[in-house]
Amino acid sequence: MGLSSEYEPIFLASAFQGVVAWLRRHATLFRFALIGATGYVIYQVVFFLLYDSPLVWFLPDKGESVRLVAFSHSDSRLLISTLVAAEFSIVGVFIGNHLWTFRDRVARGKPIWLRFCQFNAKAAVSSLGIITLVVNLLTLGLDVTPYMAIPVGVAAAFTWNWLWDSRFIWPSTVRRDGAT
């Protein structure tokens, strides 16, 4: 049994108002997710340009091993591509979060260069650590294409990023009357 046609506009208006109210309550998280999606696109584009594009001819060939201080890596081009793509993404996401996501949060006594350093340190764990580790393990260990492994790494890092960014780097300010 459906709604009669006379109640449909009221129901649709009420549902729309509910969605708008939910988005307002979660606007910061929504903006955070959109900026994160932008960072994901930046990561994918830079990764493609470095890993699969002939434009960057000076990088080692795919599958060329490299011996680093404590370990060796069987695909140095993959390692370089994931690290550089991560840093480009980090810079883009910081700019987006600073100018849009958390624009209404004033960090008293915390200059932008300090926030950028904190953001980069946090991102060293998420983007350079979690994402790079997941992508390299899935690609080399389980033979998953890097383009399928990247979303898995991004999903693993999302919660870490949200907690650090919203609570430490751009904390919500509380007024004396208790409002934020």
Foldseek 3Di string as FASTA:
>chain_A
DDDDPVCVVVVVVVVVVVVVVVCVVCVLVVLLVVLLVVLLVLLVVQLCCQQPNCPPVPDDHAQPKDQDDPGIARGVSLLVSQQVSLVRSLVSSLVSCCVPSLVVFDDPPQDPVNLSVQSVVLSCCQRVNQQSVQLRCCCVVVVDPSVVSNVVSSVVRVVSNCCCVDPPSRDHDADPVGHD
